[in-house]
Protein backbone atom coordinates (compact mmCIF):
# COMPACT_ATOMS: atom_id res chain seq x y z
CA MET A 1 99.62 46.36 347.94
CA PHE A 2 100.17 50.19 347.18
CA LYS A 3 103.35 52.04 346.16
CA CYS A 4 104.71 55.28 346.49
CA TYR A 5 107.19 55.87 343.51
CA ILE A 6 109.74 58.22 342.17
CA LEU A 7 110.56 58.37 338.31
CA TYR A 8 113.32 60.28 336.63
CA SER A 9 113.61 61.61 333.15
CA GLU A 10 117.15 62.20 332.05
CA THR A 11 115.82 64.33 329.05
CA LEU A 12 113.99 66.57 331.44
CA GLY A 13 116.40 66.36 334.28
CA LYS A 14 113.09 66.02 336.45
CA TYR A 15 111.54 63.60 338.96
CA TYR A 16 107.86 62.60 338.96
CA ILE A 17 106.52 61.31 342.22
CA GLY A 18 103.33 59.23 342.15
CA HIS A 19 101.44 56.38 343.80
CA THR A 20 99.70 53.29 342.39
CA GLY A 21 98.07 49.95 343.23
CA GLU A 22 99.27 48.61 339.92
CA ASP A 23 102.44 46.60 339.05
CA LEU A 24 105.15 49.26 338.85
CA GLU A 25 106.14 48.03 335.44
CA GLU A 26 102.75 48.45 334.01
CA ARG A 27 102.42 51.98 335.55
CA LEU A 28 105.57 52.82 333.96
CA ARG A 29 104.25 51.58 330.71
CA LYS A 30 101.36 53.83 330.95
CA HIS A 31 103.62 56.70 331.76
CA HIS A 32 105.22 56.06 328.44
CA SER A 33 101.97 55.69 326.38
CA ASN A 34 100.32 58.64 324.58
CA HIS A 35 98.61 60.65 327.00
CA SER A 36 98.38 64.22 328.25
CA GLY A 37 99.95 65.03 331.52
CA PHE A 38 103.35 65.75 333.11
CA THR A 39 105.00 62.57 331.98
CA SER A 40 103.96 62.83 328.45
CA LYS A 41 106.81 65.34 327.93
CA ALA A 42 109.38 62.55 327.85
CA LYS A 43 109.69 58.88 327.00
CA ASP A 44 112.77 58.01 328.98
CA TRP A 45 111.23 57.72 332.45
CA SER A 46 112.73 55.17 334.85
CA ILE A 47 111.77 54.08 338.17
CA LEU A 48 114.35 55.08 340.74
CA TYR A 49 112.73 54.40 344.09
CA PHE A 50 109.52 53.05 345.56
CA GLU A 51 108.03 52.28 348.95
CA ILE A 52 105.13 49.53 349.60
CA PHE A 53 102.01 50.36 351.86
CA ASP A 54 99.31 48.09 352.89
CA GLU A 55 96.69 51.02 352.27
CA LYS A 56 96.14 53.33 349.50
CA SER A 57 95.61 56.35 351.69
CA LEU A 58 99.01 55.82 353.27
CA ALA A 59 100.91 55.57 349.89
CA TYR A 60 99.08 58.91 348.79
CA GLN A 61 100.20 60.58 351.89
CA ARG A 62 103.71 59.58 351.35
CA GLU A 63 103.52 60.92 347.82
CA LEU A 64 102.12 64.31 349.05
CA GLN A 65 104.79 64.45 351.82
CA ILE A 66 107.66 63.75 349.35
CA LYS A 67 106.17 66.41 346.84
CA SER A 68 105.88 68.98 349.82
CA TRP A 69 109.57 68.93 350.09
CA LYS A 70 110.03 70.69 346.91
CA SER A 71 113.79 69.86 346.96
CA LYS A 72 115.68 67.73 344.41
CA LEU A 73 118.23 67.46 346.73
CA LYS A 74 116.15 65.91 349.39
CA ILE A 75 114.63 63.55 346.92
CA GLN A 76 118.21 62.58 345.79
CA LYS A 77 119.07 61.70 349.27
CA LEU A 78 115.94 59.65 349.78
CA ILE A 79 116.80 57.75 346.69
CA GLU A 80 120.53 57.17 347.60
CA SER A 81 119.52 56.01 351.12
CA LYS A 82 117.75 53.03 349.53
CA SER A 83 120.32 52.11 347.06
CA GLY A 84 123.31 52.45 349.45
């Protein structure tokens, strides 16, 4: 199973969209580890949203679709739609 996921950092006030075949908690641990990259800028990332896919390519396509929105508001509405 593959996941497209959205993280949020309160410190940065930013979202991160990614995809993985790993367990989400393990993936989050890696985002919090010492590395170079966008998520290395903060250590308070939390998982706000995810979708599950049978194929890696579908999870990646969904990641690219969400990133193409370039809209915090649209991302927030997506997150709210799953929690409401």
